[in-house]
Protein backbone atom coordinates (compact mmCIF):
# COMPACT_ATOMS: atom_id res chain seq x y z
CA MET A 1 -0.11 0.24 -0.03
CA LEU A 2 1.27 3.39 -1.16
CA CYS A 3 2.25 5.61 2.20
CA GLN A 4 3.32 9.19 2.38
CA ALA A 5 5.99 11.39 4.62
CA GLN A 6 3.99 13.81 6.88
CA GLU A 7 6.10 16.49 5.89
CA ASN A 8 7.28 17.13 2.50
CA PRO A 9 5.03 14.29 0.51
CA ALA A 10 6.25 13.27 -2.51
CA TYR A 11 2.53 13.07 -3.66
CA ARG A 12 -0.85 14.13 -3.00
CA ILE A 13 -4.13 12.60 -4.54
CA PHE A 14 -7.02 14.79 -5.66
CA THR A 15 -10.77 14.06 -7.02
CA SER A 16 -12.03 15.56 -10.20
CA ASP A 17 -13.11 18.49 -8.11
CA GLY A 18 -9.95 19.18 -6.53
CA GLU A 19 -10.81 17.32 -3.19
CA LYS A 20 -8.14 15.44 -1.43
CA THR A 21 -8.39 11.53 -1.10
CA ASP A 22 -6.22 9.01 -0.75
CA TYR A 23 -4.72 5.75 -2.32
CA GLY A 24 -7.47 3.52 -0.58
CA THR A 25 -10.01 5.32 -1.73
CA MET A 26 -9.06 5.56 -4.98
CA LEU A 27 -8.19 1.96 -5.61
CA LYS A 28 -11.66 0.97 -4.70
CA ALA A 29 -13.15 3.33 -7.44
CA LEU A 30 -10.95 1.76 -10.06
CA SER A 31 -11.75 -1.30 -8.82
CA LYS A 32 -15.40 -0.71 -10.27
CA ALA A 33 -14.73 0.00 -13.81
CA ASP A 34 -14.10 -1.94 -16.70
CA VAL A 35 -11.30 0.16 -18.43
CA ILE A 36 -8.51 2.12 -16.44
CA PHE A 37 -6.33 4.71 -17.94
CA ILE A 38 -3.32 5.75 -16.02
CA GLY A 39 -2.18 8.68 -17.61
CA GLU A 40 1.34 9.52 -16.77
CA THR A 41 4.34 12.17 -16.83
CA HIS A 42 7.02 10.21 -18.85
CA ASN A 43 9.82 11.37 -16.68
CA CYS A 44 8.35 11.31 -13.41
CA PRO A 45 9.39 8.69 -11.27
CA ILE A 46 6.21 9.38 -9.14
CA SER A 47 3.87 8.33 -12.21
CA HIS A 48 5.84 4.96 -12.80
CA TRP A 49 5.96 3.90 -9.20
CA ILE A 50 1.89 4.80 -8.44
CA GLU A 51 1.13 3.03 -11.92
CA TYR A 52 2.79 0.16 -10.92
CA GLU A 53 1.10 -0.34 -7.36
CA VAL A 54 -2.19 0.17 -8.87
CA ILE A 55 -1.69 -2.78 -11.64
CA SER A 56 -0.10 -4.75 -8.67
CA ASP A 57 -2.96 -4.04 -6.48
CA MET A 58 -5.71 -4.86 -9.35
CA ALA A 59 -3.82 -7.91 -9.89
CA ARG A 60 -4.10 -8.80 -6.03
CA LYS A 61 -7.92 -8.35 -6.70
CA HIS A 62 -8.85 -9.41 -10.20
CA PRO A 63 -6.43 -12.58 -10.15
CA ARG A 64 -7.87 -13.46 -13.29
CA GLY A 65 -8.95 -11.61 -16.34
CA LEU A 66 -7.05 -8.34 -16.03
CA VAL A 67 -5.38 -7.07 -18.97
CA ILE A 68 -2.68 -4.57 -19.31
CA GLY A 69 -1.97 -2.60 -22.50
CA ALA A 70 0.44 0.46 -22.88
CA GLU A 71 1.36 3.43 -25.46
CA MET A 72 4.76 2.41 -25.18
CA LEU A 73 4.64 -0.44 -27.11
CA GLU A 74 3.52 -0.74 -30.53
CA SER A 75 1.19 -3.39 -32.60
CA ASP A 76 3.99 -4.78 -34.40
CA ASN A 77 5.76 -5.81 -31.76
CA GLN A 78 2.57 -7.93 -30.34
CA LEU A 79 3.93 -10.88 -30.92
CA LEU A 80 7.03 -10.51 -29.22
CA VAL A 81 4.98 -9.43 -26.19
CA ASP A 82 3.37 -12.62 -26.35
CA GLU A 83 6.48 -14.58 -26.70
CA TYR A 84 8.14 -12.85 -23.82
CA VAL A 85 5.22 -12.64 -21.45
CA SER A 86 4.47 -16.28 -22.23
CA GLY A 87 7.92 -17.44 -21.37
CA VAL A 88 9.22 -18.81 -24.80
CA ILE A 89 11.58 -16.10 -25.30
CA SER A 90 14.18 -14.37 -22.42
CA SER A 91 14.15 -10.60 -21.44
CA ASP A 92 17.42 -10.20 -23.10
CA ARG A 93 16.09 -11.63 -26.19
CA PHE A 94 12.91 -9.55 -26.10
CA GLU A 95 14.73 -6.36 -25.39
CA SER A 96 17.16 -6.86 -28.15
CA GLU A 97 14.15 -7.19 -30.74
CA ALA A 98 11.36 -5.04 -29.82
CA LYS A 99 11.17 -1.49 -30.36
CA LEU A 100 11.62 0.28 -26.55
CA TRP A 101 11.68 3.56 -25.29
CA ASP A 102 14.96 5.07 -23.91
CA ASN A 103 12.96 4.70 -20.31
CA HIS A 104 11.62 0.97 -20.75
CA TYR A 105 14.14 -0.64 -18.72
CA THR A 106 13.54 1.56 -15.45
CA ASP A 107 9.90 2.20 -15.61
CA TYR A 108 8.24 -0.44 -18.43
CA ALA A 109 10.19 -3.48 -17.94
CA PRO A 110 8.42 -3.97 -14.38
CA LEU A 111 4.91 -4.08 -16.15
CA LEU A 112 5.84 -6.70 -18.24
CA TYR A 113 7.59 -8.78 -15.73
CA LEU A 114 4.28 -8.52 -13.54
CA ALA A 115 2.33 -9.47 -16.63
CA ARG A 116 4.47 -12.47 -17.10
CA ASP A 117 5.00 -13.67 -13.51
CA LYS A 118 0.74 -13.25 -12.95
CA GLY A 119 -0.01 -14.81 -16.31
CA PHE A 120 -1.97 -11.87 -17.57
CA ARG A 121 -1.91 -10.43 -21.23
CA PHE A 122 -0.26 -7.40 -22.25
CA ILE A 123 -1.41 -6.02 -24.93
CA ALA A 124 1.06 -3.65 -27.44
CA THR A 125 -1.57 -1.01 -28.19
CA ASN A 126 0.07 2.11 -30.17
CA VAL A 127 0.14 2.18 -33.74
CA PRO A 128 3.81 1.60 -35.70
CA ARG A 129 5.42 4.87 -35.61
CA ARG A 130 6.10 4.87 -39.19
CA TYR A 131 2.38 4.84 -39.96
CA ALA A 132 1.94 7.82 -37.21
CA SER A 133 5.07 9.76 -39.29
CA PHE A 134 3.27 8.96 -42.56
CA VAL A 135 -0.08 10.33 -41.63
CA LYS A 136 1.88 13.36 -40.33
CA ASP A 137 3.05 14.25 -43.77
CA ASN A 138 0.17 12.70 -45.74
CA GLY A 139 -2.71 13.00 -43.89
CA LEU A 140 -5.20 10.32 -42.70
CA ASP A 141 -6.62 9.84 -46.13
CA ALA A 142 -3.59 8.26 -47.35
CA LEU A 143 -3.48 5.42 -45.64
CA SER A 144 -6.40 3.86 -47.67
CA GLY A 145 -3.50 2.88 -50.04
CA LEU A 146 -1.64 0.52 -47.40
CA SER A 147 -1.41 -2.89 -47.77
CA ASP A 148 -3.77 -5.19 -45.88
CA ALA A 149 -0.80 -6.45 -43.62
CA ALA A 150 -0.09 -2.80 -42.67
CA LYS A 151 -3.86 -1.97 -41.94
CA ALA A 152 -4.74 -4.54 -39.32
CA LEU A 153 -1.82 -2.92 -37.49
CA MET A 154 -4.32 -0.24 -36.61
CA ALA A 155 -7.66 1.18 -36.08
CA PRO A 156 -10.00 0.23 -39.10
CA LEU A 157 -10.32 2.68 -41.45
CA PRO A 158 -11.11 5.51 -42.08
CA VAL A 159 -10.43 6.72 -38.75
CA ALA A 160 -13.07 9.31 -37.65
CA TYR A 161 -11.56 12.70 -37.33
CA ASP A 162 -12.80 15.96 -36.54
CA GLU A 163 -10.86 19.28 -37.48
CA SER A 164 -12.28 21.48 -35.26
CA THR A 165 -11.34 19.52 -32.26
CA ALA A 166 -9.49 21.33 -29.70
CA GLU A 167 -6.71 18.89 -30.52
CA ASN A 168 -6.34 20.61 -33.89
CA GLU A 169 -6.14 23.54 -32.40
CA MET A 170 -3.19 22.80 -30.14
CA PHE A 171 -1.55 21.29 -33.17
CA SER A 172 -1.86 24.58 -35.37
CA PHE A 173 1.65 25.91 -34.19
CA MET A 174 3.11 22.70 -35.11
CA ASN A 175 1.69 22.50 -38.75
CA MET A 176 2.97 25.93 -39.27
CA MET A 177 6.36 24.90 -38.27
CA GLY A 178 6.58 22.47 -41.49
CA GLY A 179 8.01 25.08 -43.42
CA HIS A 180 8.56 25.59 -47.26
CA GLY A 181 4.78 25.59 -47.86
CA GLN A 182 4.67 22.20 -46.60
CA GLN A 183 1.59 21.07 -44.40
CA ASN A 184 1.81 18.60 -41.43
CA HIS A 185 -0.87 16.47 -40.05
CA TYR A 186 0.20 16.26 -36.88
CA ALA A 187 -3.24 16.37 -35.31
CA GLU A 188 -4.44 13.34 -37.79
CA ALA A 189 -1.47 11.60 -36.64
CA GLN A 190 -2.47 11.86 -33.11
CA ALA A 191 -5.99 10.63 -34.09
CA LEU A 192 -4.64 7.66 -35.78
CA LYS A 193 -2.65 6.78 -32.68
CA ASP A 194 -5.55 7.42 -30.25
CA ALA A 195 -8.02 5.32 -32.32
CA THR A 196 -5.49 2.51 -32.51
CA MET A 197 -4.95 2.35 -29.28
CA ALA A 198 -8.84 2.32 -28.39
CA TRP A 199 -9.26 -0.26 -31.31
CA PHE A 200 -6.45 -2.89 -29.42
CA ILE A 201 -8.08 -2.11 -26.01
CA ALA A 202 -11.43 -3.00 -27.45
CA GLN A 203 -10.19 -5.99 -29.02
CA ASN A 204 -8.90 -7.44 -25.87
CA LEU A 205 -11.84 -6.30 -23.02
CA ASP A 206 -12.14 -9.75 -21.60
CA GLY A 207 -12.42 -8.61 -18.22
CA LYS A 208 -10.59 -5.46 -16.97
CA PHE A 209 -8.26 -4.04 -18.57
CA ILE A 210 -5.59 -1.21 -17.39
CA HIS A 211 -3.94 0.98 -19.91
CA VAL A 212 -0.69 3.31 -19.36
CA ASN A 213 -0.55 6.54 -21.66
CA GLY A 214 0.79 9.85 -21.42
CA ASN A 215 -1.63 12.12 -19.84
CA PHE A 216 -2.61 14.06 -22.92
CA HIS A 217 -4.33 10.65 -24.39
CA SER A 218 -6.97 10.46 -21.77
CA ASP A 219 -6.91 13.94 -20.11
CA HIS A 220 -10.65 15.36 -19.76
CA ASN A 221 -11.94 11.95 -21.03
CA GLY A 222 -10.57 13.00 -24.62
CA GLY A 223 -7.91 11.37 -26.68
CA ILE A 224 -8.55 7.44 -26.62
CA ILE A 225 -11.52 7.60 -24.68
CA PRO A 226 -14.11 8.85 -27.73
CA TYR A 227 -12.87 6.16 -30.09
CA LEU A 228 -13.07 3.28 -27.32
CA ASN A 229 -16.66 4.67 -26.86
CA ILE A 230 -17.38 3.88 -30.34
CA TYR A 231 -15.48 0.46 -30.70
CA SER A 232 -17.00 -0.86 -27.36
CA PRO A 233 -19.43 1.39 -26.06
CA GLY A 234 -21.28 1.36 -22.33
CA LYS A 235 -17.96 0.39 -20.52
CA HIS A 236 -17.03 1.58 -17.17
CA ILE A 237 -14.24 3.60 -17.68
CA ALA A 238 -11.93 5.16 -14.96
CA THR A 239 -9.09 7.95 -15.41
CA VAL A 240 -5.84 9.01 -13.64
CA CYS A 241 -3.61 11.51 -14.54
CA CYS A 242 -0.18 12.67 -12.80
CA VAL A 243 0.60 16.76 -12.86
CA ARG A 244 3.21 18.55 -11.31
CA GLN A 245 2.70 21.70 -9.59
CA GLU A 246 5.15 24.07 -7.79
CA GLU A 247 2.67 23.53 -4.32
CA ILE A 248 0.86 20.48 -3.92
CA ASP A 249 -1.60 21.03 -0.77
CA ARG A 250 -4.45 22.29 -3.24
CA LEU A 251 -4.98 21.14 -6.81
CA ASP A 252 -4.34 24.17 -9.17
CA LYS A 253 -7.39 25.63 -11.26
CA GLU A 254 -5.96 24.01 -14.68
CA ASN A 255 -5.75 20.49 -13.32
CA ILE A 256 -9.15 20.40 -12.03
CA ALA A 257 -11.13 18.01 -13.83
CA ARG A 258 -8.53 16.57 -16.09
CA ALA A 259 -9.44 12.77 -14.53
CA ASP A 260 -11.09 10.81 -12.04
CA PHE A 261 -8.10 10.90 -9.94
CA ILE A 262 -5.28 13.57 -10.39
CA ILE A 263 -1.88 12.18 -8.52
CA CYS A 264 -0.23 16.04 -7.74
CA VAL A 265 3.62 15.75 -7.63
CA PRO A 266 5.98 18.83 -6.55
CA GLU A 267 7.83 20.41 -9.10
CA GLU A 268 11.37 19.87 -7.49
CA MET A 269 10.63 16.36 -7.60
CA THR A 270 13.67 14.23 -9.75
CA MET A 271 12.62 13.81 -13.41
CA THR A 272 14.15 10.09 -14.82
CA PHE A 273 15.13 12.11 -18.25
């Protein structure tokens, strides 16, 4: 069970409306959900510690039927993930052949080991980065020309996309950075990632599913979640996000309602990279 010091706590937990709560209350609420999204700050050790603790505790509460998924692994590596989790290949072989983030060994390898130890399935939910890059340069419509084998690694086409969304506005500056008149479709690439993660969650929703992703992919019930509601409607979804603040005694206004539970970490907390 998580604990925190009486002085200079490493984190505090708040509900969506900014009320202080505790780990036990959060865990009890998360236990009722079909799908749990744990949004992390990628370089925050508290993020990684808490997501590991939540998944470990869920494993004890739900020893059968728990499925883990992660943005950090891409769908074309699913066979390698399956072979590692089932014990067919060693961790050394898996790590030498899979596409892994630089902080895999410290932050995500423990989650895979937990799945292997407990016999849980682990799903590589993200679209292969080459297709996200392809969409960034060419737009979502260009995916129709890909092979069937390529299309099997992503959400069904066409991917729903609304140009008027807040995400599109946020990426407008990045679009302008293309230079030389080049139009970069960053928001469409993001939509492909979110839709693909939702698709592979929906395809593997057998029992309780816990998904680890960056905050952006589940904040304010956006990102992945609208697509999941299309692919697998009616599921009870719960969200967690991790934020950094100068002071953590109260939740800053901009962090209210970002998730069902907000893990608030002091800004001076060390970062892993």
